[in-house]
C-alpha cells in the first residue's frame, strides 16, 4: 500500500498541512508532537519525495468575478497516445480549463472550466474547444452549486486501512 511507506508522524504532517498549509513549522511540530527542526526536515523530505507538490490558497472564484463553472465532457476522434498527449497539452494552455482528467468509458476527458460569464465560456467552447484538432464531441454541464469541494485525500480512511493491515 503506497501510504504504508510513511510513518504515522509523516502521515500526520501531511494531514495537518492539507488542512492548513499556512501554519508555521513550530505550530505544525506542536500538532504532530515533535520538535521544530526534525519537523522541518520531514516536511522537506516529503516535498522532495513528491508527497507535497505545492502550497496553494483556496481562492473564491465568484468573489473574483468568475460566476460560471462548467464541466465539459470531451470525446476525441483518435485515442492514440500521441493524440491524447496533444489534447492534454492543449488543455494546459487554455486558461479557462482548471482541471483536465482522462477517463475510461464513453467520454475521453472531463474538463473543469471557469469563466466570468456565460458568453465568455460560450466563445471558448465554440472558438477553441470544439474547434480543436481531434475533438469529436463536447457535452457541457453548467454547475448550479457546489455541495462539497474537499481537496486532497481522506487521511482517516488511510489510517483505518493501515491499522487493519498491521
C-alpha atoms as a PDB file:
ATOM      1  CA  UNK A   1       0.000   0.000   0.000  1.00  0.00           C
ATOM      2  CA  UNK A   2       1.539   3.359  -1.030  1.00  0.00           C
ATOM      3  CA  UNK A   3       0.803   5.225   2.224  1.00  0.00           C
ATOM      4  CA  UNK A   4       2.388   2.480   4.297  1.00  0.00           C
ATOM      5  CA  UNK A   5       5.922   3.582   3.425  1.00  0.00           C
ATOM      6  CA  UNK A   6       5.321   6.691   5.517  1.00  0.00           C
ATOM      7  CA  UNK A   7       5.307   6.529   9.283  1.00  0.00           C
ATOM      8  CA  UNK A   8       2.479   7.872  11.430  1.00  0.00           C
ATOM      9  CA  UNK A   9       4.234  11.219  12.002  1.00  0.00           C
ATOM     10  CA  UNK A  10       4.749  11.765   8.268  1.00  0.00           C
ATOM     11  CA  UNK A  11       1.075  10.999   7.622  1.00  0.00           C
ATOM     12  CA  UNK A  12       0.042  13.366  10.426  1.00  0.00           C
ATOM     13  CA  UNK A  13       2.250  16.102   8.923  1.00  0.00           C
ATOM     14  CA  UNK A  14       0.561  15.603   5.545  1.00  0.00           C
ATOM     15  CA  UNK A  15      -2.910  15.652   7.087  1.00  0.00           C
ATOM     16  CA  UNK A  16      -2.179  18.841   9.041  1.00  0.00           C
ATOM     17  CA  UNK A  17      -0.655  20.628   6.035  1.00  0.00           C
ATOM     18  CA  UNK A  18      -3.546  19.529   3.834  1.00  0.00           C
ATOM     19  CA  UNK A  19      -5.940  21.140   6.324  1.00  0.00           C
ATOM     20  CA  UNK A  20      -3.860  24.310   6.771  1.00  0.00           C
ATOM     21  CA  UNK A  21      -0.814  24.824   4.569  1.00  0.00           C
ATOM     22  CA  UNK A  22      -0.115  28.255   6.084  1.00  0.00           C
ATOM     23  CA  UNK A  23       0.690  27.151   9.608  1.00  0.00           C
ATOM     24  CA  UNK A  24       4.194  27.774  10.866  1.00  0.00           C
ATOM     25  CA  UNK A  25       6.631  24.936  11.246  1.00  0.00           C
ATOM     26  CA  UNK A  26       6.557  25.495  15.024  1.00  0.00           C
ATOM     27  CA  UNK A  27       2.759  25.044  15.073  1.00  0.00           C
ATOM     28  CA  UNK A  28       2.980  22.013  12.796  1.00  0.00           C
ATOM     29  CA  UNK A  29       5.613  20.438  15.038  1.00  0.00           C
ATOM     30  CA  UNK A  30       3.428  21.066  18.091  1.00  0.00           C
ATOM     31  CA  UNK A  31       0.414  19.449  16.410  1.00  0.00           C
ATOM     32  CA  UNK A  32       2.304  16.309  15.374  1.00  0.00           C
ATOM     33  CA  UNK A  33       4.189  16.007  18.663  1.00  0.00           C
ATOM     34  CA  UNK A  34       7.813  16.544  17.623  1.00  0.00           C
ATOM     35  CA  UNK A  35      10.237  19.457  17.858  1.00  0.00           C
ATOM     36  CA  UNK A  36      10.559  22.029  15.082  1.00  0.00           C
ATOM     37  CA  UNK A  37      13.932  21.042  13.497  1.00  0.00           C
ATOM     38  CA  UNK A  38      13.035  17.394  12.770  1.00  0.00           C
ATOM     39  CA  UNK A  39       9.575  18.507  11.655  1.00  0.00           C
ATOM     40  CA  UNK A  40      11.098  20.845   9.079  1.00  0.00           C
ATOM     41  CA  UNK A  41      13.442  18.072   7.891  1.00  0.00           C
ATOM     42  CA  UNK A  42      10.479  15.738   7.470  1.00  0.00           C
ATOM     43  CA  UNK A  43       8.484  18.362   5.543  1.00  0.00           C
ATOM     44  CA  UNK A  44      11.420  18.946   3.197  1.00  0.00           C
ATOM     45  CA  UNK A  45      11.840  15.199   2.695  1.00  0.00           C
ATOM     46  CA  UNK A  46       8.110  14.866   1.925  1.00  0.00           C
ATOM     47  CA  UNK A  47       8.418  17.713  -0.595  1.00  0.00           C
ATOM     48  CA  UNK A  48      11.482  16.175  -2.266  1.00  0.00           C
ATOM     49  CA  UNK A  49       9.802  12.750  -2.428  1.00  0.00           C
ATOM     50  CA  UNK A  50       6.802  14.272  -4.195  1.00  0.00           C
ATOM     51  CA  UNK A  51       4.221  13.742  -1.446  1.00  0.00           C
ATOM     52  CA  UNK A  52       3.834  17.523  -1.154  1.00  0.00           C
ATOM     53  CA  UNK A  53       3.531  19.092  -4.598  1.00  0.00           C
ATOM     54  CA  UNK A  54       2.972  22.684  -3.516  1.00  0.00           C
ATOM     55  CA  UNK A  55       1.087  25.091  -1.320  1.00  0.00           C
ATOM     56  CA  UNK A  56      -1.947  26.922  -2.621  1.00  0.00           C
ATOM     57  CA  UNK A  57      -4.559  29.361  -1.431  1.00  0.00           C
ATOM     58  CA  UNK A  58      -8.194  28.304  -1.796  1.00  0.00           C
ATOM     59  CA  UNK A  59      -9.451  31.193  -3.921  1.00  0.00           C
ATOM     60  CA  UNK A  60     -13.138  32.083  -4.018  1.00  0.00           C
ATOM     61  CA  UNK A  61     -13.661  32.244  -7.777  1.00  0.00           C
ATOM     62  CA  UNK A  62     -17.020  34.013  -7.518  1.00  0.00           C
ATOM     63  CA  UNK A  63     -15.530  36.809  -5.409  1.00  0.00           C
ATOM     64  CA  UNK A  64     -13.151  37.444  -8.307  1.00  0.00           C
ATOM     65  CA  UNK A  65     -16.000  37.582 -10.798  1.00  0.00           C
ATOM     66  CA  UNK A  66     -15.804  34.054 -12.215  1.00  0.00           C
ATOM     67  CA  UNK A  67     -19.526  33.334 -11.974  1.00  0.00           C
ATOM     68  CA  UNK A  68     -19.643  30.384 -14.372  1.00  0.00           C
ATOM     69  CA  UNK A  69     -18.291  26.907 -13.702  1.00  0.00           C
ATOM     70  CA  UNK A  70     -18.828  24.189 -16.308  1.00  0.00           C
ATOM     71  CA  UNK A  71     -17.849  20.561 -16.686  1.00  0.00           C
ATOM     72  CA  UNK A  72     -17.146  19.648 -20.310  1.00  0.00           C
ATOM     73  CA  UNK A  73     -17.129  16.000 -21.355  1.00  0.00           C
ATOM     74  CA  UNK A  74     -14.924  15.646 -24.417  1.00  0.00           C
ATOM     75  CA  UNK A  75     -14.819  12.787 -26.903  1.00  0.00           C
ATOM     76  CA  UNK A  76     -11.850  12.545 -29.262  1.00  0.00           C
ATOM     77  CA  UNK A  77     -11.746  11.098 -32.759  1.00  0.00           C
ATOM     78  CA  UNK A  78      -8.475   9.286 -32.031  1.00  0.00           C
ATOM     79  CA  UNK A  79      -7.234   7.893 -28.732  1.00  0.00           C
ATOM     80  CA  UNK A  80      -3.720   7.187 -29.976  1.00  0.00           C
ATOM     81  CA  UNK A  81      -1.241   8.098 -27.260  1.00  0.00           C
ATOM     82  CA  UNK A  82       0.265  10.955 -29.290  1.00  0.00           C
ATOM     83  CA  UNK A  83      -3.215  12.423 -29.849  1.00  0.00           C
ATOM     84  CA  UNK A  84      -4.043  12.139 -26.149  1.00  0.00           C
ATOM     85  CA  UNK A  85      -0.823  13.943 -25.221  1.00  0.00           C
ATOM     86  CA  UNK A  86      -1.544  16.704 -27.744  1.00  0.00           C
ATOM     87  CA  UNK A  87      -5.021  17.241 -26.337  1.00  0.00           C
ATOM     88  CA  UNK A  88      -3.701  17.315 -22.765  1.00  0.00           C
ATOM     89  CA  UNK A  89      -1.069  19.877 -23.753  1.00  0.00           C
ATOM     90  CA  UNK A  90      -3.758  21.999 -25.382  1.00  0.00           C
ATOM     91  CA  UNK A  91      -5.862  21.833 -22.212  1.00  0.00           C
ATOM     92  CA  UNK A  92      -2.900  23.005 -20.130  1.00  0.00           C
ATOM     93  CA  UNK A  93      -2.621  26.043 -22.415  1.00  0.00           C
ATOM     94  CA  UNK A  94      -6.283  27.088 -22.068  1.00  0.00           C
ATOM     95  CA  UNK A  95      -6.624  29.414 -19.058  1.00  0.00           C
ATOM     96  CA  UNK A  96     -10.339  28.688 -18.548  1.00  0.00           C
ATOM     97  CA  UNK A  97      -9.623  24.960 -18.132  1.00  0.00           C
ATOM     98  CA  UNK A  98      -8.712  24.482 -14.471  1.00  0.00           C
ATOM     99  CA  UNK A  99      -8.708  20.665 -14.402  1.00  0.00           C
ATOM    100  CA  UNK A 100      -8.354  18.041 -17.110  1.00  0.00           C
ATOM    101  CA  UNK A 101      -8.879  14.351 -16.399  1.00  0.00           C
ATOM    102  CA  UNK A 102      -8.670  11.472 -18.858  1.00  0.00           C
ATOM    103  CA  UNK A 103     -11.474   8.978 -18.248  1.00  0.00           C
ATOM    104  CA  UNK A 104     -12.266   5.384 -19.031  1.00  0.00           C
ATOM    105  CA  UNK A 105     -15.639   4.854 -20.672  1.00  0.00           C
ATOM    106  CA  UNK A 106     -17.864   6.796 -23.036  1.00  0.00           C
ATOM    107  CA  UNK A 107     -16.051  10.113 -22.532  1.00  0.00           C
ATOM    108  CA  UNK A 108     -12.326  10.569 -23.103  1.00  0.00           C
ATOM    109  CA  UNK A 109     -11.802  13.665 -20.923  1.00  0.00           C
ATOM    110  CA  UNK A 110     -13.667  15.751 -18.422  1.00  0.00           C
ATOM    111  CA  UNK A 111     -12.643  19.383 -18.082  1.00  0.00           C
ATOM    112  CA  UNK A 112     -13.484  21.696 -15.225  1.00  0.00           C
ATOM    113  CA  UNK A 113     -13.768  25.206 -16.639  1.00  0.00           C
ATOM    114  CA  UNK A 114     -14.386  28.607 -15.076  1.00  0.00           C
ATOM    115  CA  UNK A 115     -15.390  31.821 -16.810  1.00  0.00           C
ATOM    116  CA  UNK A 116     -16.520  35.272 -15.752  1.00  0.00           C
ATOM    117  CA  UNK A 117     -19.807  34.899 -17.650  1.00  0.00           C
ATOM    118  CA  UNK A 118     -21.686  32.581 -19.954  1.00  0.00           C
ATOM    119  CA  UNK A 119     -20.757  34.447 -23.142  1.00  0.00           C
ATOM    120  CA  UNK A 120     -17.036  34.102 -22.339  1.00  0.00           C
ATOM    121  CA  UNK A 121     -17.464  30.370 -21.830  1.00  0.00           C
ATOM    122  CA  UNK A 122     -19.554  30.077 -24.994  1.00  0.00           C
ATOM    123  CA  UNK A 123     -16.808  31.804 -27.002  1.00  0.00           C
ATOM    124  CA  UNK A 124     -14.225  29.414 -25.567  1.00  0.00           C
ATOM    125  CA  UNK A 125     -16.484  26.456 -26.306  1.00  0.00           C
ATOM    126  CA  UNK A 126     -17.203  27.350 -29.918  1.00  0.00           C
ATOM    127  CA  UNK A 127     -13.945  29.005 -30.956  1.00  0.00           C
ATOM    128  CA  UNK A 128     -11.421  26.875 -29.092  1.00  0.00           C
ATOM    129  CA  UNK A 129     -12.646  23.637 -27.536  1.00  0.00           C
ATOM    130  CA  UNK A 130     -14.993  22.290 -30.217  1.00  0.00           C
ATOM    131  CA  UNK A 131     -12.714  23.669 -32.935  1.00  0.00           C
ATOM    132  CA  UNK A 132      -9.623  21.944 -31.517  1.00  0.00           C
ATOM    133  CA  UNK A 133      -7.889  19.267 -33.541  1.00  0.00           C
ATOM    134  CA  UNK A 134      -9.155  15.732 -32.861  1.00  0.00           C
ATOM    135  CA  UNK A 135     -12.225  16.822 -30.841  1.00  0.00           C
ATOM    136  CA  UNK A 136     -15.241  14.796 -31.983  1.00  0.00           C
ATOM    137  CA  UNK A 137     -17.827  15.785 -29.379  1.00  0.00           C
ATOM    138  CA  UNK A 138     -18.315  18.041 -26.374  1.00  0.00           C
ATOM    139  CA  UNK A 139     -21.148  17.853 -23.866  1.00  0.00           C
ATOM    140  CA  UNK A 140     -21.321  20.514 -21.163  1.00  0.00           C
ATOM    141  CA  UNK A 141     -22.991  20.780 -17.777  1.00  0.00           C
ATOM    142  CA  UNK A 142     -23.281  24.106 -16.003  1.00  0.00           C
ATOM    143  CA  UNK A 143     -22.661  23.934 -12.249  1.00  0.00           C
ATOM    144  CA  UNK A 144     -25.612  25.292 -10.279  1.00  0.00           C
ATOM    145  CA  UNK A 145     -23.958  24.989  -6.869  1.00  0.00           C
ATOM    146  CA  UNK A 146     -21.231  23.023  -5.141  1.00  0.00           C
ATOM    147  CA  UNK A 147     -22.227  20.830  -2.196  1.00  0.00           C
ATOM    148  CA  UNK A 148     -18.667  19.662  -1.440  1.00  0.00           C
ATOM    149  CA  UNK A 149     -15.207  20.668  -2.577  1.00  0.00           C
ATOM    150  CA  UNK A 150     -12.686  18.785  -0.478  1.00  0.00           C
ATOM    151  CA  UNK A 151      -9.177  18.654  -1.962  1.00  0.00           C
ATOM    152  CA  UNK A 152      -6.623  16.026  -1.099  1.00  0.00           C
ATOM    153  CA  UNK A 153      -7.215  12.635   0.460  1.00  0.00           C
ATOM    154  CA  UNK A 154      -9.207  11.402   3.477  1.00  0.00           C
ATOM    155  CA  UNK A 155      -6.420  10.601   5.917  1.00  0.00           C
ATOM    156  CA  UNK A 156      -8.827   8.924   8.364  1.00  0.00           C
ATOM    157  CA  UNK A 157      -9.600   6.327   5.671  1.00  0.00           C
ATOM    158  CA  UNK A 158      -5.874   5.779   5.049  1.00  0.00           C
ATOM    159  CA  UNK A 159      -5.206   5.337   8.766  1.00  0.00           C
ATOM    160  CA  UNK A 160      -8.098   2.870   9.094  1.00  0.00           C
ATOM    161  CA  UNK A 161      -6.747   0.786   6.182  1.00  0.00           C
ATOM    162  CA  UNK A 162      -3.241   0.814   7.602  1.00  0.00           C
ATOM    163  CA  UNK A 163      -4.441  -0.244  11.048  1.00  0.00           C
ATOM    164  CA  UNK A 164      -6.337  -3.190   9.508  1.00  0.00           C
ATOM    165  CA  UNK A 165      -3.279  -4.379   7.577  1.00  0.00           C
ATOM    166  CA  UNK A 166      -0.948  -4.096  10.604  1.00  0.00           C
END
